Amino acid sequence: MARRKRAKSAEAGRTAIDVGARLKAQRIKSGLTQRDLASKAGVTNGMISMIEQNKHSPSVATLNRLTDALGLSFAEFFSIELPEMPRVFYMKDELVALTEGKVRFAVVAGERPEKALQILHEVYAPGGDTGVTMLTHRGEEGGLVIAGEVEVTVGDQRRVLGPGDAYYFESMTPHRFRNVGKSAAIIVSACTPPFM
């Protein structure tokens, strides 16, 4: 039993080091394709692909050939700092609040200043309004009403939208949003480029 626990512990320690990600990062940094690296190291490019996907664990001899082909020592290879993977999922309490009051906007991926797309969860209390002054900003935007009723004005067009209704327009056209119903109105919207 103790031997099995030690074996599992050793196995966990081995899988904690992502050899595949390290190999891929260094290969790309060196400007090599999988085929280039395979040729330099004297292995198949299929093996490189399998290692990078962590579907094959290389022997010490193979890893030595790969690190030599990359011009690295083992110590250098295992001290490579891997780039952080961008975050993919956000729970509802992790959205970043941009506004408060009768009109509340919360943004998805608020920590990413370089994002090309802005996704908002918008909540308009009854009577909530983006203001008498119409909004304008560069880009395009669209949205889908999830609940309630929202009066959307775009230029000289005006429409009251309900659940399931949507809009899409060029954002330089003056626009305004107003809850004309008796309950909260919720919109999920997107615009590019981000303006908030």
N, C-alpha and C. Protein backbone atom coordinates (compact mmCIF):
# COMPACT_ATOMS: atom_id res chain seq x y z
N MET A 1 0.83 -1.20 0.00
CA MET A 1 0.00 0.00 0.00
C MET A 1 0.86 1.25 0.00
N ALA A 2 1.88 1.27 0.89
CA ALA A 2 2.79 2.43 0.96
C ALA A 2 3.54 2.60 -0.34
N ARG A 3 3.93 1.46 -0.98
CA ARG A 3 4.67 1.51 -2.24
C ARG A 3 3.78 2.12 -3.33
N ARG A 4 2.47 1.73 -3.34
CA ARG A 4 1.53 2.27 -4.33
C ARG A 4 1.36 3.77 -4.18
N LYS A 5 1.29 4.24 -2.90
CA LYS A 5 1.15 5.68 -2.64
C LYS A 5 2.37 6.43 -3.13
N ARG A 6 3.58 5.85 -2.86
CA ARG A 6 4.81 6.50 -3.32
C ARG A 6 4.85 6.57 -4.85
N ALA A 7 4.40 5.51 -5.51
CA ALA A 7 4.39 5.47 -6.98
C ALA A 7 3.44 6.54 -7.53
N LYS A 8 2.24 6.66 -6.90
CA LYS A 8 1.28 7.68 -7.34
C LYS A 8 1.84 9.07 -7.13
N SER A 9 2.52 9.28 -6.00
CA SER A 9 3.11 10.58 -5.68
C SER A 9 4.19 10.93 -6.70
N ALA A 10 5.03 9.96 -7.06
CA ALA A 10 6.09 10.19 -8.05
C ALA A 10 5.48 10.50 -9.40
N GLU A 11 4.38 9.80 -9.74
CA GLU A 11 3.71 10.03 -11.02
C GLU A 11 3.13 11.43 -11.07
N ALA A 12 2.51 11.89 -9.97
CA ALA A 12 1.95 13.24 -9.90
C ALA A 12 3.05 14.27 -10.08
N GLY A 13 4.22 14.02 -9.47
CA GLY A 13 5.34 14.94 -9.60
C GLY A 13 5.82 15.04 -11.04
N ARG A 14 5.80 13.90 -11.76
CA ARG A 14 6.25 13.90 -13.16
C ARG A 14 5.28 14.68 -14.04
N THR A 15 3.99 14.51 -13.83
CA THR A 15 3.03 15.17 -14.71
C THR A 15 2.89 16.66 -14.39
N ALA A 16 3.45 17.12 -13.29
CA ALA A 16 3.36 18.54 -12.94
C ALA A 16 4.20 19.39 -13.90
N ILE A 17 5.21 18.80 -14.55
CA ILE A 17 6.04 19.53 -15.50
C ILE A 17 5.49 19.26 -16.89
N ASP A 18 5.05 20.31 -17.56
CA ASP A 18 4.44 20.17 -18.87
C ASP A 18 5.52 20.19 -19.95
N VAL A 19 6.07 19.01 -20.24
CA VAL A 19 7.15 18.89 -21.23
C VAL A 19 6.65 19.33 -22.61
N GLY A 20 5.43 18.94 -22.95
CA GLY A 20 4.87 19.29 -24.27
C GLY A 20 4.79 20.79 -24.49
N ALA A 21 4.26 21.50 -23.51
CA ALA A 21 4.13 22.96 -23.64
C ALA A 21 5.50 23.62 -23.71
N ARG A 22 6.46 23.11 -22.94
CA ARG A 22 7.82 23.67 -22.95
C ARG A 22 8.47 23.46 -24.32
N LEU A 23 8.30 22.26 -24.85
CA LEU A 23 8.89 21.95 -26.15
C LEU A 23 8.29 22.84 -27.24
N LYS A 24 6.98 22.95 -27.22
CA LYS A 24 6.30 23.77 -28.24
C LYS A 24 6.71 25.23 -28.13
N ALA A 25 6.74 25.77 -26.90
CA ALA A 25 7.12 27.18 -26.70
C ALA A 25 8.53 27.44 -27.21
N GLN A 26 9.46 26.55 -26.88
CA GLN A 26 10.84 26.76 -27.30
C GLN A 26 11.01 26.55 -28.80
N ARG A 27 10.29 25.60 -29.36
CA ARG A 27 10.36 25.37 -30.80
C ARG A 27 9.88 26.59 -31.57
N ILE A 28 8.74 27.16 -31.14
CA ILE A 28 8.20 28.36 -31.78
C ILE A 28 9.14 29.54 -31.61
N LYS A 29 9.68 29.70 -30.40
CA LYS A 29 10.63 30.78 -30.12
C LYS A 29 11.85 30.67 -31.03
N SER A 30 12.26 29.43 -31.35
CA SER A 30 13.41 29.20 -32.22
C SER A 30 13.06 29.31 -33.70
N GLY A 31 11.78 29.54 -34.00
CA GLY A 31 11.34 29.69 -35.39
C GLY A 31 11.34 28.39 -36.17
N LEU A 32 11.12 27.28 -35.48
CA LEU A 32 11.15 25.97 -36.13
C LEU A 32 9.75 25.38 -36.25
N THR A 33 9.50 24.69 -37.35
CA THR A 33 8.28 23.90 -37.47
C THR A 33 8.54 22.56 -36.78
N GLN A 34 7.49 21.78 -36.58
CA GLN A 34 7.67 20.45 -36.01
C GLN A 34 8.60 19.62 -36.90
N ARG A 35 8.44 19.75 -38.22
CA ARG A 35 9.26 19.01 -39.17
C ARG A 35 10.73 19.43 -39.06
N ASP A 36 10.98 20.76 -38.90
CA ASP A 36 12.36 21.25 -38.76
C ASP A 36 13.02 20.64 -37.53
N LEU A 37 12.31 20.70 -36.40
CA LEU A 37 12.89 20.18 -35.16
C LEU A 37 13.12 18.68 -35.25
N ALA A 38 12.16 17.97 -35.84
CA ALA A 38 12.30 16.52 -36.00
C ALA A 38 13.54 16.20 -36.81
N SER A 39 13.76 16.94 -37.88
CA SER A 39 14.92 16.71 -38.74
C SER A 39 16.22 16.97 -37.99
N LYS A 40 16.26 18.07 -37.23
CA LYS A 40 17.47 18.41 -36.47
C LYS A 40 17.78 17.39 -35.37
N ALA A 41 16.70 16.85 -34.76
CA ALA A 41 16.88 15.93 -33.63
C ALA A 41 16.95 14.47 -34.07
N GLY A 42 16.63 14.20 -35.35
CA GLY A 42 16.66 12.83 -35.82
C GLY A 42 15.51 11.98 -35.32
N VAL A 43 14.33 12.61 -35.18
CA VAL A 43 13.12 11.88 -34.79
C VAL A 43 12.04 12.18 -35.81
N THR A 44 10.89 11.55 -35.68
CA THR A 44 9.80 11.82 -36.63
C THR A 44 9.02 13.06 -36.18
N ASN A 45 8.44 13.76 -37.17
CA ASN A 45 7.64 14.92 -36.77
C ASN A 45 6.36 14.47 -36.07
N GLY A 46 5.91 13.22 -36.32
CA GLY A 46 4.77 12.67 -35.59
C GLY A 46 5.08 12.57 -34.10
N MET A 47 6.33 12.22 -33.78
CA MET A 47 6.74 12.12 -32.37
C MET A 47 6.71 13.50 -31.72
N ILE A 48 7.21 14.52 -32.45
CA ILE A 48 7.18 15.90 -31.91
C ILE A 48 5.74 16.30 -31.61
N SER A 49 4.84 16.01 -32.55
CA SER A 49 3.42 16.35 -32.36
C SER A 49 2.85 15.65 -31.13
N MET A 50 3.15 14.37 -30.99
CA MET A 50 2.63 13.60 -29.84
C MET A 50 3.19 14.13 -28.52
N ILE A 51 4.48 14.51 -28.50
CA ILE A 51 5.09 15.06 -27.27
C ILE A 51 4.44 16.39 -26.92
N GLU A 52 4.27 17.26 -27.92
CA GLU A 52 3.70 18.59 -27.67
C GLU A 52 2.26 18.51 -27.16
N GLN A 53 1.55 17.46 -27.56
CA GLN A 53 0.17 17.27 -27.08
C GLN A 53 0.12 16.47 -25.78
N ASN A 54 1.32 16.14 -25.24
CA ASN A 54 1.43 15.32 -24.03
C ASN A 54 0.76 13.96 -24.19
N LYS A 55 0.80 13.44 -25.43
CA LYS A 55 0.29 12.10 -25.69
C LYS A 55 1.42 11.07 -25.70
N HIS A 56 2.65 11.55 -25.66
CA HIS A 56 3.82 10.67 -25.61
C HIS A 56 4.85 11.30 -24.67
N SER A 57 5.36 10.50 -23.76
CA SER A 57 6.38 10.97 -22.83
C SER A 57 7.75 10.55 -23.37
N PRO A 58 8.61 11.52 -23.73
CA PRO A 58 9.89 11.14 -24.34
C PRO A 58 10.84 10.49 -23.34
N SER A 59 11.68 9.61 -23.86
CA SER A 59 12.72 9.02 -23.02
C SER A 59 13.76 10.10 -22.75
N VAL A 60 14.64 9.85 -21.79
CA VAL A 60 15.71 10.80 -21.49
C VAL A 60 16.58 11.01 -22.72
N ALA A 61 16.86 9.92 -23.46
CA ALA A 61 17.70 10.02 -24.66
C ALA A 61 17.04 10.90 -25.72
N THR A 62 15.72 10.71 -25.93
CA THR A 62 15.00 11.52 -26.93
C THR A 62 14.95 12.98 -26.50
N LEU A 63 14.67 13.21 -25.22
CA LEU A 63 14.61 14.58 -24.72
C LEU A 63 15.97 15.25 -24.86
N ASN A 64 17.03 14.50 -24.64
CA ASN A 64 18.37 15.03 -24.80
C ASN A 64 18.62 15.45 -26.25
N ARG A 65 18.17 14.64 -27.20
CA ARG A 65 18.33 14.97 -28.62
C ARG A 65 17.53 16.24 -28.97
N LEU A 66 16.35 16.35 -28.41
CA LEU A 66 15.51 17.52 -28.68
C LEU A 66 16.10 18.79 -28.10
N THR A 67 16.57 18.72 -26.85
CA THR A 67 17.16 19.92 -26.23
C THR A 67 18.46 20.30 -26.94
N ASP A 68 19.24 19.32 -27.37
CA ASP A 68 20.46 19.62 -28.15
C ASP A 68 20.09 20.33 -29.44
N ALA A 69 19.04 19.84 -30.12
CA ALA A 69 18.60 20.45 -31.37
C ALA A 69 18.12 21.89 -31.16
N LEU A 70 17.62 22.17 -29.96
CA LEU A 70 17.16 23.52 -29.63
C LEU A 70 18.26 24.39 -29.04
N GLY A 71 19.43 23.78 -28.82
CA GLY A 71 20.57 24.52 -28.27
C GLY A 71 20.40 24.83 -26.79
N LEU A 72 19.75 23.92 -26.07
CA LEU A 72 19.49 24.13 -24.65
C LEU A 72 20.05 22.98 -23.82
N SER A 73 20.42 23.30 -22.58
CA SER A 73 20.74 22.25 -21.62
C SER A 73 19.42 21.80 -20.99
N PHE A 74 19.45 20.66 -20.28
CA PHE A 74 18.26 20.21 -19.55
C PHE A 74 17.80 21.29 -18.58
N ALA A 75 18.76 21.88 -17.86
CA ALA A 75 18.42 22.90 -16.85
C ALA A 75 17.71 24.08 -17.51
N GLU A 76 18.22 24.52 -18.65
CA GLU A 76 17.58 25.64 -19.36
C GLU A 76 16.18 25.26 -19.83
N PHE A 77 16.05 24.03 -20.37
CA PHE A 77 14.76 23.57 -20.88
C PHE A 77 13.71 23.56 -19.77
N PHE A 78 14.09 23.06 -18.60
CA PHE A 78 13.11 22.94 -17.52
C PHE A 78 12.91 24.23 -16.73
N SER A 79 13.68 25.28 -17.06
CA SER A 79 13.47 26.56 -16.39
C SER A 79 12.75 27.56 -17.30
N ILE A 80 12.34 27.09 -18.49
CA ILE A 80 11.61 27.97 -19.42
C ILE A 80 10.33 28.44 -18.74
N GLU A 81 10.08 29.74 -18.81
CA GLU A 81 8.82 30.28 -18.28
C GLU A 81 7.78 30.20 -19.38
N LEU A 82 6.72 29.46 -19.12
CA LEU A 82 5.67 29.30 -20.11
C LEU A 82 4.75 30.51 -20.11
N PRO A 83 4.30 30.94 -21.30
CA PRO A 83 3.35 32.06 -21.32
C PRO A 83 2.04 31.62 -20.68
N GLU A 84 1.41 32.56 -19.97
CA GLU A 84 0.13 32.24 -19.33
C GLU A 84 -0.95 32.08 -20.38
N MET A 85 -1.75 31.04 -20.22
CA MET A 85 -2.86 30.84 -21.14
C MET A 85 -3.94 31.87 -20.82
N PRO A 86 -4.51 32.50 -21.85
CA PRO A 86 -5.57 33.47 -21.56
C PRO A 86 -6.77 32.79 -20.90
N ARG A 87 -7.40 33.52 -20.01
CA ARG A 87 -8.57 32.99 -19.32
C ARG A 87 -9.71 32.83 -20.30
N VAL A 88 -10.49 31.77 -20.13
CA VAL A 88 -11.58 31.46 -21.05
C VAL A 88 -12.96 31.62 -20.41
N PHE A 89 -13.12 31.18 -19.17
CA PHE A 89 -14.44 31.15 -18.55
C PHE A 89 -14.55 32.19 -17.43
N TYR A 90 -15.75 32.78 -17.29
CA TYR A 90 -16.04 33.79 -16.27
C TYR A 90 -17.38 33.46 -15.62
N MET A 91 -17.37 33.30 -14.31
CA MET A 91 -18.62 33.08 -13.60
C MET A 91 -19.34 34.43 -13.44
N LYS A 92 -20.63 34.40 -13.17
CA LYS A 92 -21.41 35.64 -13.15
C LYS A 92 -20.89 36.65 -12.13
N ASP A 93 -20.34 36.16 -11.00
CA ASP A 93 -19.83 37.10 -10.00
C ASP A 93 -18.41 37.58 -10.33
N GLU A 94 -17.86 37.14 -11.46
CA GLU A 94 -16.52 37.58 -11.87
C GLU A 94 -16.55 38.63 -12.97
N LEU A 95 -17.76 39.01 -13.41
CA LEU A 95 -17.85 40.10 -14.38
C LEU A 95 -17.50 41.40 -13.66
N VAL A 96 -16.86 42.32 -14.37
CA VAL A 96 -16.41 43.58 -13.76
C VAL A 96 -17.48 44.64 -13.93
N ALA A 97 -17.97 45.20 -12.80
CA ALA A 97 -19.00 46.24 -12.84
C ALA A 97 -18.39 47.53 -13.36
N LEU A 98 -19.03 48.11 -14.38
CA LEU A 98 -18.56 49.38 -14.95
C LEU A 98 -19.40 50.55 -14.47
N THR A 99 -20.68 50.31 -14.21
CA THR A 99 -21.57 51.39 -13.77
C THR A 99 -22.48 50.86 -12.67
N GLU A 100 -23.08 51.79 -11.92
CA GLU A 100 -24.05 51.45 -10.89
C GLU A 100 -25.25 52.36 -11.04
N GLY A 101 -26.31 52.08 -10.30
CA GLY A 101 -27.50 52.91 -10.36
C GLY A 101 -28.59 52.24 -11.17
N LYS A 102 -29.40 53.05 -11.87
CA LYS A 102 -30.54 52.52 -12.62
C LYS A 102 -30.12 51.79 -13.89
N VAL A 103 -28.89 52.08 -14.35
CA VAL A 103 -28.35 51.37 -15.51
C VAL A 103 -27.02 50.77 -15.08
N ARG A 104 -26.97 49.43 -15.04
CA ARG A 104 -25.75 48.75 -14.59
C ARG A 104 -25.14 47.95 -15.73
N PHE A 105 -23.87 48.23 -16.01
CA PHE A 105 -23.14 47.47 -17.02
C PHE A 105 -22.06 46.66 -16.32
N ALA A 106 -21.92 45.40 -16.71
CA ALA A 106 -20.82 44.55 -16.24
C ALA A 106 -20.16 43.96 -17.48
N VAL A 107 -18.84 43.96 -17.49
CA VAL A 107 -18.10 43.53 -18.67
C VAL A 107 -17.46 42.16 -18.46
N VAL A 108 -17.44 41.36 -19.52
CA VAL A 108 -16.75 40.08 -19.53
C VAL A 108 -15.28 40.34 -19.84
N ALA A 109 -14.38 39.65 -19.15
CA ALA A 109 -12.93 39.77 -19.38
C ALA A 109 -12.45 41.20 -19.15
N GLY A 110 -12.89 41.78 -18.06
CA GLY A 110 -12.51 43.15 -17.73
C GLY A 110 -11.02 43.33 -17.50
N GLU A 111 -10.31 42.23 -17.20
CA GLU A 111 -8.88 42.32 -16.91
C GLU A 111 -8.03 42.34 -18.19
N ARG A 112 -8.66 42.19 -19.35
CA ARG A 112 -7.90 42.15 -20.61
C ARG A 112 -7.95 43.50 -21.32
N PRO A 113 -6.91 44.32 -21.16
CA PRO A 113 -6.95 45.64 -21.80
C PRO A 113 -6.81 45.57 -23.31
N GLU A 114 -6.26 44.46 -23.82
CA GLU A 114 -5.98 44.35 -25.26
C GLU A 114 -7.11 43.70 -26.04
N LYS A 115 -8.24 43.43 -25.40
CA LYS A 115 -9.29 42.69 -26.10
C LYS A 115 -9.86 43.50 -27.28
N ALA A 116 -10.26 42.78 -28.32
CA ALA A 116 -10.79 43.40 -29.53
C ALA A 116 -12.31 43.46 -29.51
N LEU A 117 -12.93 42.73 -28.58
CA LEU A 117 -14.38 42.63 -28.49
C LEU A 117 -14.81 42.91 -27.06
N GLN A 118 -15.86 43.71 -26.90
CA GLN A 118 -16.39 43.98 -25.56
C GLN A 118 -17.77 43.35 -25.45
N ILE A 119 -17.96 42.53 -24.42
CA ILE A 119 -19.26 41.90 -24.16
C ILE A 119 -19.78 42.43 -22.84
N LEU A 120 -20.99 42.95 -22.87
CA LEU A 120 -21.60 43.55 -21.67
C LEU A 120 -22.86 42.81 -21.25
N HIS A 121 -23.05 42.73 -19.93
CA HIS A 121 -24.33 42.31 -19.35
C HIS A 121 -24.94 43.60 -18.83
N GLU A 122 -26.05 44.03 -19.45
CA GLU A 122 -26.67 45.32 -19.12
C GLU A 122 -27.99 45.09 -18.39
N VAL A 123 -28.16 45.81 -17.28
CA VAL A 123 -29.42 45.73 -16.53
C VAL A 123 -29.97 47.15 -16.37
N TYR A 124 -31.19 47.35 -16.86
CA TYR A 124 -31.86 48.65 -16.77
C TYR A 124 -33.03 48.52 -15.79
N ALA A 125 -32.98 49.23 -14.69
CA ALA A 125 -34.12 49.26 -13.76
C ALA A 125 -35.27 49.98 -14.46
N PRO A 126 -36.53 49.81 -14.00
CA PRO A 126 -37.63 50.54 -14.63
C PRO A 126 -37.31 52.03 -14.68
N GLY A 127 -37.45 52.62 -15.85
CA GLY A 127 -37.12 54.04 -16.03
C GLY A 127 -35.64 54.27 -16.30
N GLY A 128 -34.82 53.24 -16.20
CA GLY A 128 -33.38 53.39 -16.45
C GLY A 128 -33.12 53.81 -17.89
N ASP A 129 -32.17 54.74 -18.05
CA ASP A 129 -31.96 55.39 -19.34
C ASP A 129 -30.47 55.70 -19.49
N THR A 130 -29.94 55.56 -20.69
CA THR A 130 -28.52 55.92 -20.89
C THR A 130 -28.32 57.42 -20.95
N GLY A 131 -29.40 58.19 -20.94
CA GLY A 131 -29.30 59.64 -20.87
C GLY A 131 -29.92 60.34 -22.07
N VAL A 132 -30.23 61.61 -21.88
CA VAL A 132 -30.86 62.40 -22.94
C VAL A 132 -29.87 62.60 -24.08
N THR A 133 -28.60 62.80 -23.75
CA THR A 133 -27.58 62.96 -24.77
C THR A 133 -27.31 61.60 -25.42
N MET A 134 -27.46 61.55 -26.72
CA MET A 134 -27.27 60.29 -27.44
C MET A 134 -25.80 59.89 -27.40
N LEU A 135 -25.55 58.59 -27.35
CA LEU A 135 -24.18 58.05 -27.33
C LEU A 135 -23.64 57.91 -28.75
N THR A 136 -22.35 58.14 -28.91
CA THR A 136 -21.68 57.84 -30.18
C THR A 136 -20.26 57.37 -29.85
N HIS A 137 -19.78 56.42 -30.59
CA HIS A 137 -18.39 55.95 -30.48
C HIS A 137 -18.11 55.13 -31.73
N ARG A 138 -16.84 54.97 -32.06
CA ARG A 138 -16.52 54.26 -33.30
C ARG A 138 -16.79 52.76 -33.16
N GLY A 139 -17.02 52.11 -34.27
CA GLY A 139 -17.22 50.66 -34.25
C GLY A 139 -18.65 50.25 -34.55
N GLU A 140 -18.94 49.01 -34.18
CA GLU A 140 -20.26 48.43 -34.38
C GLU A 140 -20.71 47.78 -33.07
N GLU A 141 -22.01 47.68 -32.88
CA GLU A 141 -22.51 46.99 -31.70
C GLU A 141 -23.81 46.27 -31.99
N GLY A 142 -24.05 45.26 -31.20
CA GLY A 142 -25.27 44.49 -31.34
C GLY A 142 -25.64 43.92 -29.99
N GLY A 143 -26.88 43.53 -29.85
CA GLY A 143 -27.30 42.98 -28.57
C GLY A 143 -28.60 42.20 -28.70
N LEU A 144 -28.88 41.46 -27.65
CA LEU A 144 -30.06 40.62 -27.57
C LEU A 144 -30.76 40.90 -26.24
N VAL A 145 -32.04 41.22 -26.31
CA VAL A 145 -32.81 41.46 -25.09
C VAL A 145 -33.15 40.11 -24.46
N ILE A 146 -32.79 39.97 -23.19
CA ILE A 146 -33.03 38.73 -22.47
C ILE A 146 -34.33 38.80 -21.67
N ALA A 147 -34.59 39.97 -21.08
CA ALA A 147 -35.81 40.14 -20.27
C ALA A 147 -36.25 41.60 -20.31
N GLY A 148 -37.54 41.83 -20.08
CA GLY A 148 -38.06 43.19 -20.01
C GLY A 148 -38.27 43.83 -21.37
N GLU A 149 -38.48 45.15 -21.33
CA GLU A 149 -38.72 45.92 -22.56
C GLU A 149 -37.76 47.11 -22.60
N VAL A 150 -37.10 47.26 -23.73
CA VAL A 150 -36.13 48.35 -23.89
C VAL A 150 -36.46 49.13 -25.15
N GLU A 151 -36.57 50.44 -24.99
CA GLU A 151 -36.73 51.31 -26.15
C GLU A 151 -35.33 51.64 -26.65
N VAL A 152 -35.05 51.28 -27.89
CA VAL A 152 -33.74 51.54 -28.49
C VAL A 152 -33.94 52.58 -29.58
N THR A 153 -33.18 53.67 -29.47
CA THR A 153 -33.21 54.72 -30.48
C THR A 153 -31.87 54.73 -31.19
N VAL A 154 -31.90 54.63 -32.51
CA VAL A 154 -30.67 54.67 -33.32
C VAL A 154 -30.93 55.67 -34.43
N GLY A 155 -30.25 56.83 -34.36
CA GLY A 155 -30.51 57.90 -35.32
C GLY A 155 -31.96 58.33 -35.21
N ASP A 156 -32.70 58.29 -36.33
CA ASP A 156 -34.11 58.69 -36.28
C ASP A 156 -35.05 57.47 -36.20
N GLN A 157 -34.47 56.29 -35.93
CA GLN A 157 -35.30 55.08 -35.78
C GLN A 157 -35.47 54.74 -34.30
N ARG A 158 -36.68 54.33 -33.94
CA ARG A 158 -36.95 53.98 -32.55
C ARG A 158 -37.82 52.73 -32.52
N ARG A 159 -37.48 51.80 -31.61
CA ARG A 159 -38.26 50.56 -31.51
C ARG A 159 -38.21 50.07 -30.08
N VAL A 160 -39.34 49.54 -29.59
CA VAL A 160 -39.38 48.88 -28.28
C VAL A 160 -39.14 47.40 -28.53
N LEU A 161 -38.08 46.87 -27.89
CA LEU A 161 -37.70 45.48 -28.06
C LEU A 161 -38.00 44.68 -26.80
N GLY A 162 -38.41 43.43 -26.98
CA GLY A 162 -38.68 42.54 -25.85
C GLY A 162 -37.79 41.32 -25.91
N PRO A 163 -38.00 40.37 -25.00
CA PRO A 163 -37.17 39.17 -24.95
C PRO A 163 -37.05 38.47 -26.30
N GLY A 164 -35.82 38.20 -26.70
CA GLY A 164 -35.56 37.53 -27.97
C GLY A 164 -35.33 38.48 -29.12
N ASP A 165 -35.72 39.76 -28.96
CA ASP A 165 -35.48 40.75 -30.01
C ASP A 165 -34.03 41.22 -29.94
N ALA A 166 -33.53 41.72 -31.06
CA ALA A 166 -32.12 42.10 -31.12
C ALA A 166 -31.92 43.36 -31.94
N TYR A 167 -30.72 43.90 -31.88
CA TYR A 167 -30.35 45.08 -32.67
C TYR A 167 -28.89 44.95 -33.10
N TYR A 168 -28.54 45.72 -34.15
CA TYR A 168 -27.16 45.75 -34.64
C TYR A 168 -27.01 47.04 -35.46
N PHE A 169 -25.99 47.85 -35.15
CA PHE A 169 -25.83 49.11 -35.88
C PHE A 169 -24.40 49.62 -35.76
N GLU A 170 -24.08 50.60 -36.61
CA GLU A 170 -22.79 51.28 -36.53
C GLU A 170 -22.86 52.28 -35.39
N SER A 171 -21.88 52.22 -34.49
CA SER A 171 -21.96 52.98 -33.24
C SER A 171 -21.75 54.48 -33.39
N MET A 172 -21.28 54.94 -34.55
CA MET A 172 -21.16 56.39 -34.76
C MET A 172 -22.55 57.02 -34.95
N THR A 173 -23.55 56.20 -35.24
CA THR A 173 -24.92 56.70 -35.32
C THR A 173 -25.38 56.98 -33.89
N PRO A 174 -25.84 58.20 -33.59
CA PRO A 174 -26.27 58.51 -32.22
C PRO A 174 -27.34 57.51 -31.75
N HIS A 175 -27.16 57.03 -30.50
CA HIS A 175 -28.08 56.00 -30.00
C HIS A 175 -28.34 56.16 -28.51
N ARG A 176 -29.44 55.54 -28.08
CA ARG A 176 -29.88 55.66 -26.68
C ARG A 176 -30.71 54.44 -26.31
N PHE A 177 -30.65 54.04 -25.04
CA PHE A 177 -31.42 52.90 -24.54
C PHE A 177 -32.23 53.35 -23.32
N ARG A 178 -33.50 52.89 -23.24
CA ARG A 178 -34.36 53.28 -22.11
C ARG A 178 -35.32 52.15 -21.79
N ASN A 179 -35.42 51.81 -20.50
CA ASN A 179 -36.38 50.80 -20.06
C ASN A 179 -37.75 51.44 -19.96
N VAL A 180 -38.69 50.98 -20.79
CA VAL A 180 -40.04 51.55 -20.78
C VAL A 180 -41.04 50.62 -20.08
N GLY A 181 -40.52 49.52 -19.52
CA GLY A 181 -41.40 48.56 -18.87
C GLY A 181 -41.48 48.75 -17.36
N LYS A 182 -42.18 47.82 -16.69
CA LYS A 182 -42.37 47.92 -15.24
C LYS A 182 -41.43 47.00 -14.47
N SER A 183 -40.62 46.22 -15.19
CA SER A 183 -39.65 45.34 -14.53
C SER A 183 -38.27 45.58 -15.14
N ALA A 184 -37.26 45.00 -14.52
CA ALA A 184 -35.89 45.19 -15.00
C ALA A 184 -35.76 44.65 -16.42
N ALA A 185 -35.00 45.34 -17.23
CA ALA A 185 -34.71 44.90 -18.59
C ALA A 185 -33.24 44.45 -18.63
N ILE A 186 -33.00 43.33 -19.28
CA ILE A 186 -31.64 42.79 -19.34
C ILE A 186 -31.25 42.59 -20.80
N ILE A 187 -30.06 43.07 -21.12
CA ILE A 187 -29.51 42.93 -22.48
C ILE A 187 -28.13 42.32 -22.37
N VAL A 188 -27.79 41.44 -23.29
CA VAL A 188 -26.40 41.01 -23.46
C VAL A 188 -25.96 41.60 -24.78
N SER A 189 -24.92 42.44 -24.73
CA SER A 189 -24.49 43.15 -25.92
C SER A 189 -23.01 42.94 -26.20
N ALA A 190 -22.62 43.26 -27.42
CA ALA A 190 -21.21 43.18 -27.80
C ALA A 190 -20.91 44.37 -28.71
N CYS A 191 -19.70 44.89 -28.59
CA CYS A 191 -19.27 45.94 -29.51
C CYS A 191 -17.80 45.77 -29.82
N THR A 192 -17.44 46.21 -30.99
CA THR A 192 -16.04 46.15 -31.38
C THR A 192 -15.73 47.42 -32.16
N PRO A 193 -14.63 48.11 -31.85
CA PRO A 193 -13.75 47.83 -30.73
C PRO A 193 -14.39 48.24 -29.42
N PRO A 194 -13.83 47.79 -28.27
CA PRO A 194 -14.39 48.18 -26.97
C PRO A 194 -14.37 49.69 -26.80
N PHE A 195 -15.37 50.23 -26.11
CA PHE A 195 -15.37 51.67 -25.88
C PHE A 195 -15.42 52.03 -24.40
N MET A 196 -15.51 51.04 -23.50
CA MET A 196 -15.55 51.32 -22.06
C MET A 196 -14.34 50.72 -21.39
